[in-house]
């Protein structure tokens, strides 16, 4: 009996890790024709209910051309937003946000007036790593 209890105790850390995982999602992004206006992507969500919290989120987005001067991109949950440096990368800025909470990319260009050409976000992708609830 004592061996069985010891074996179960030894497996507990592995069982807790088994709840860790990742999900990914993609969406078309918005189009911007004016500076000083922000636009949001469609929500990016897990395909199933997840009981856990985000740890590390990878992002990538693709534009229809070079990024204009003053482009601002953020990745947001309902609780907080993190600024994105460049078209791809990783952030821990959403750590402890519920892993099944939808995320949105929000784009804007500093300034005012019409942009020289419409800025289109062709796609926006996330991969969310999470730690399962224990």
C-alpha atoms as a PDB file:
ATOM      1  CA  UNK A   1       0.000   0.000   0.000  1.00  0.00           C
ATOM      2  CA  UNK A   2       2.803   2.386   0.924  1.00  0.00           C
ATOM      3  CA  UNK A   3       4.477   1.771  -2.457  1.00  0.00           C
ATOM      4  CA  UNK A   4       1.245   2.505  -4.296  1.00  0.00           C
ATOM      5  CA  UNK A   5       0.853   5.820  -2.437  1.00  0.00           C
ATOM      6  CA  UNK A   6       4.490   6.715  -3.172  1.00  0.00           C
ATOM      7  CA  UNK A   7       4.012   5.860  -6.867  1.00  0.00           C
ATOM      8  CA  UNK A   8       0.904   8.039  -7.086  1.00  0.00           C
ATOM      9  CA  UNK A   9       2.702  10.919  -5.352  1.00  0.00           C
ATOM     10  CA  UNK A  10       5.596  10.572  -7.793  1.00  0.00           C
ATOM     11  CA  UNK A  11       3.184  10.820 -10.753  1.00  0.00           C
ATOM     12  CA  UNK A  12       1.307  13.902  -9.508  1.00  0.00           C
ATOM     13  CA  UNK A  13       3.642  16.424 -11.181  1.00  0.00           C
ATOM     14  CA  UNK A  14       3.270  14.573 -14.489  1.00  0.00           C
ATOM     15  CA  UNK A  15      -0.496  14.473 -14.142  1.00  0.00           C
ATOM     16  CA  UNK A  16      -0.581  18.218 -13.502  1.00  0.00           C
ATOM     17  CA  UNK A  17       1.555  18.841 -16.593  1.00  0.00           C
ATOM     18  CA  UNK A  18      -0.813  16.752 -18.676  1.00  0.00           C
ATOM     19  CA  UNK A  19      -3.321  19.609 -18.432  1.00  0.00           C
ATOM     20  CA  UNK A  20      -0.859  22.034 -20.029  1.00  0.00           C
ATOM     21  CA  UNK A  21      -1.247  22.620 -23.735  1.00  0.00           C
ATOM     22  CA  UNK A  22      -1.660  25.050 -26.583  1.00  0.00           C
ATOM     23  CA  UNK A  23      -4.253  26.223 -29.043  1.00  0.00           C
ATOM     24  CA  UNK A  24      -3.962  28.250 -32.201  1.00  0.00           C
ATOM     25  CA  UNK A  25      -6.321  30.347 -34.259  1.00  0.00           C
ATOM     26  CA  UNK A  26      -6.266  32.524 -37.361  1.00  0.00           C
ATOM     27  CA  UNK A  27      -8.470  35.310 -38.634  1.00  0.00           C
ATOM     28  CA  UNK A  28      -8.549  37.872 -41.378  1.00  0.00           C
ATOM     29  CA  UNK A  29      -7.553  41.233 -40.068  1.00  0.00           C
ATOM     30  CA  UNK A  30      -9.194  44.596 -40.571  1.00  0.00           C
ATOM     31  CA  UNK A  31      -8.569  47.229 -43.234  1.00  0.00           C
ATOM     32  CA  UNK A  32      -7.538  50.773 -42.332  1.00  0.00           C
ATOM     33  CA  UNK A  33      -7.956  53.725 -44.652  1.00  0.00           C
ATOM     34  CA  UNK A  34      -7.491  56.549 -42.122  1.00  0.00           C
ATOM     35  CA  UNK A  35      -4.870  57.362 -39.524  1.00  0.00           C
ATOM     36  CA  UNK A  36      -6.109  58.020 -36.003  1.00  0.00           C
ATOM     37  CA  UNK A  37      -8.649  55.192 -36.214  1.00  0.00           C
ATOM     38  CA  UNK A  38      -8.306  51.766 -34.630  1.00  0.00           C
ATOM     39  CA  UNK A  39      -9.719  48.555 -36.062  1.00  0.00           C
ATOM     40  CA  UNK A  40     -10.030  45.092 -34.555  1.00  0.00           C
ATOM     41  CA  UNK A  41      -9.639  41.616 -35.980  1.00  0.00           C
ATOM     42  CA  UNK A  42     -12.316  39.011 -35.525  1.00  0.00           C
ATOM     43  CA  UNK A  43     -12.000  37.227 -32.161  1.00  0.00           C
ATOM     44  CA  UNK A  44      -9.453  34.414 -32.030  1.00  0.00           C
ATOM     45  CA  UNK A  45     -10.682  31.587 -29.812  1.00  0.00           C
ATOM     46  CA  UNK A  46      -9.819  28.073 -28.750  1.00  0.00           C
ATOM     47  CA  UNK A  47     -11.846  25.376 -30.478  1.00  0.00           C
ATOM     48  CA  UNK A  48     -12.879  23.882 -27.134  1.00  0.00           C
ATOM     49  CA  UNK A  49     -13.378  24.927 -23.519  1.00  0.00           C
ATOM     50  CA  UNK A  50     -10.049  25.164 -21.698  1.00  0.00           C
ATOM     51  CA  UNK A  51      -9.653  25.263 -17.946  1.00  0.00           C
ATOM     52  CA  UNK A  52      -6.352  27.049 -17.386  1.00  0.00           C
ATOM     53  CA  UNK A  53      -4.415  30.278 -17.825  1.00  0.00           C
ATOM     54  CA  UNK A  54      -2.238  31.647 -20.612  1.00  0.00           C
ATOM     55  CA  UNK A  55       1.518  31.500 -20.195  1.00  0.00           C
ATOM     56  CA  UNK A  56       3.201  32.378 -23.505  1.00  0.00           C
ATOM     57  CA  UNK A  57       1.465  33.697 -26.618  1.00  0.00           C
ATOM     58  CA  UNK A  58       3.061  33.723 -30.075  1.00  0.00           C
ATOM     59  CA  UNK A  59       1.651  36.047 -32.707  1.00  0.00           C
ATOM     60  CA  UNK A  60       2.073  36.740 -36.394  1.00  0.00           C
ATOM     61  CA  UNK A  61       0.295  39.038 -38.789  1.00  0.00           C
ATOM     62  CA  UNK A  62       0.742  39.788 -42.461  1.00  0.00           C
ATOM     63  CA  UNK A  63       0.036  43.121 -44.147  1.00  0.00           C
ATOM     64  CA  UNK A  64      -0.691  43.823 -47.810  1.00  0.00           C
ATOM     65  CA  UNK A  65       2.522  45.851 -48.052  1.00  0.00           C
ATOM     66  CA  UNK A  66       5.166  47.530 -45.940  1.00  0.00           C
ATOM     67  CA  UNK A  67       4.031  48.749 -42.534  1.00  0.00           C
ATOM     68  CA  UNK A  68       3.351  52.498 -42.633  1.00  0.00           C
ATOM     69  CA  UNK A  69       5.159  54.825 -40.249  1.00  0.00           C
ATOM     70  CA  UNK A  70       3.265  55.035 -36.976  1.00  0.00           C
ATOM     71  CA  UNK A  71       1.638  51.601 -37.187  1.00  0.00           C
ATOM     72  CA  UNK A  72       0.493  50.426 -33.765  1.00  0.00           C
ATOM     73  CA  UNK A  73      -0.488  46.817 -33.189  1.00  0.00           C
ATOM     74  CA  UNK A  74      -1.773  45.311 -29.958  1.00  0.00           C
ATOM     75  CA  UNK A  75      -3.004  41.902 -28.898  1.00  0.00           C
ATOM     76  CA  UNK A  76      -5.883  42.144 -26.468  1.00  0.00           C
ATOM     77  CA  UNK A  77      -7.974  40.045 -24.131  1.00  0.00           C
ATOM     78  CA  UNK A  78     -10.957  41.581 -22.372  1.00  0.00           C
ATOM     79  CA  UNK A  79      -8.664  42.240 -19.381  1.00  0.00           C
ATOM     80  CA  UNK A  80      -5.587  43.796 -20.980  1.00  0.00           C
ATOM     81  CA  UNK A  81      -3.681  44.604 -24.146  1.00  0.00           C
ATOM     82  CA  UNK A  82      -0.028  44.142 -24.973  1.00  0.00           C
ATOM     83  CA  UNK A  83       1.780  46.199 -27.611  1.00  0.00           C
ATOM     84  CA  UNK A  84       3.318  44.124 -30.397  1.00  0.00           C
ATOM     85  CA  UNK A  85       6.808  44.895 -31.640  1.00  0.00           C
ATOM     86  CA  UNK A  86       6.883  43.823 -35.264  1.00  0.00           C
ATOM     87  CA  UNK A  87       4.818  41.427 -37.331  1.00  0.00           C
ATOM     88  CA  UNK A  88       5.732  38.334 -35.305  1.00  0.00           C
ATOM     89  CA  UNK A  89       6.996  37.433 -31.884  1.00  0.00           C
ATOM     90  CA  UNK A  90       6.036  36.167 -28.459  1.00  0.00           C
ATOM     91  CA  UNK A  91       4.758  37.754 -25.271  1.00  0.00           C
ATOM     92  CA  UNK A  92       4.184  36.811 -21.661  1.00  0.00           C
ATOM     93  CA  UNK A  93       2.067  39.954 -21.257  1.00  0.00           C
ATOM     94  CA  UNK A  94      -1.147  37.933 -21.148  1.00  0.00           C
ATOM     95  CA  UNK A  95       0.081  35.543 -18.449  1.00  0.00           C
ATOM     96  CA  UNK A  96      -2.690  34.420 -16.081  1.00  0.00           C
ATOM     97  CA  UNK A  97      -5.495  35.467 -18.440  1.00  0.00           C
ATOM     98  CA  UNK A  98      -8.040  32.660 -18.814  1.00  0.00           C
ATOM     99  CA  UNK A  99      -6.817  30.371 -21.609  1.00  0.00           C
ATOM    100  CA  UNK A 100     -10.229  30.165 -23.251  1.00  0.00           C
ATOM    101  CA  UNK A 101     -10.728  33.916 -23.418  1.00  0.00           C
ATOM    102  CA  UNK A 102     -10.945  35.301 -26.972  1.00  0.00           C
ATOM    103  CA  UNK A 103      -8.059  37.437 -28.219  1.00  0.00           C
ATOM    104  CA  UNK A 104      -8.181  40.263 -30.757  1.00  0.00           C
ATOM    105  CA  UNK A 105      -5.552  42.125 -32.714  1.00  0.00           C
ATOM    106  CA  UNK A 106      -6.104  45.880 -32.706  1.00  0.00           C
ATOM    107  CA  UNK A 107      -4.390  47.991 -35.348  1.00  0.00           C
ATOM    108  CA  UNK A 108      -4.085  51.724 -35.822  1.00  0.00           C
ATOM    109  CA  UNK A 109      -1.836  54.284 -37.461  1.00  0.00           C
ATOM    110  CA  UNK A 110      -0.776  57.380 -35.516  1.00  0.00           C
ATOM    111  CA  UNK A 111      -1.841  60.739 -36.855  1.00  0.00           C
ATOM    112  CA  UNK A 112      -4.901  61.857 -38.751  1.00  0.00           C
ATOM    113  CA  UNK A 113      -6.165  61.946 -42.291  1.00  0.00           C
ATOM    114  CA  UNK A 114      -6.419  59.433 -45.066  1.00  0.00           C
ATOM    115  CA  UNK A 115      -3.642  56.900 -45.598  1.00  0.00           C
ATOM    116  CA  UNK A 116      -1.899  56.922 -49.001  1.00  0.00           C
ATOM    117  CA  UNK A 117      -3.163  53.396 -49.564  1.00  0.00           C
ATOM    118  CA  UNK A 118      -5.565  51.169 -47.676  1.00  0.00           C
ATOM    119  CA  UNK A 119      -3.729  49.046 -45.141  1.00  0.00           C
ATOM    120  CA  UNK A 120      -5.094  45.512 -45.041  1.00  0.00           C
ATOM    121  CA  UNK A 121      -4.201  42.883 -42.484  1.00  0.00           C
ATOM    122  CA  UNK A 122      -4.279  39.768 -44.643  1.00  0.00           C
ATOM    123  CA  UNK A 123      -4.118  37.360 -41.738  1.00  0.00           C
ATOM    124  CA  UNK A 124      -3.537  37.372 -38.005  1.00  0.00           C
ATOM    125  CA  UNK A 125      -2.453  34.249 -36.121  1.00  0.00           C
ATOM    126  CA  UNK A 126      -1.915  33.331 -32.486  1.00  0.00           C
ATOM    127  CA  UNK A 127      -0.634  30.260 -30.708  1.00  0.00           C
ATOM    128  CA  UNK A 128      -1.532  30.320 -27.024  1.00  0.00           C
ATOM    129  CA  UNK A 129       0.375  28.154 -24.570  1.00  0.00           C
ATOM    130  CA  UNK A 130      -1.449  27.568 -21.313  1.00  0.00           C
ATOM    131  CA  UNK A 131      -1.091  25.944 -17.947  1.00  0.00           C
ATOM    132  CA  UNK A 132      -4.035  23.788 -16.964  1.00  0.00           C
ATOM    133  CA  UNK A 133      -5.881  24.461 -13.726  1.00  0.00           C
ATOM    134  CA  UNK A 134      -4.672  22.249 -10.953  1.00  0.00           C
END
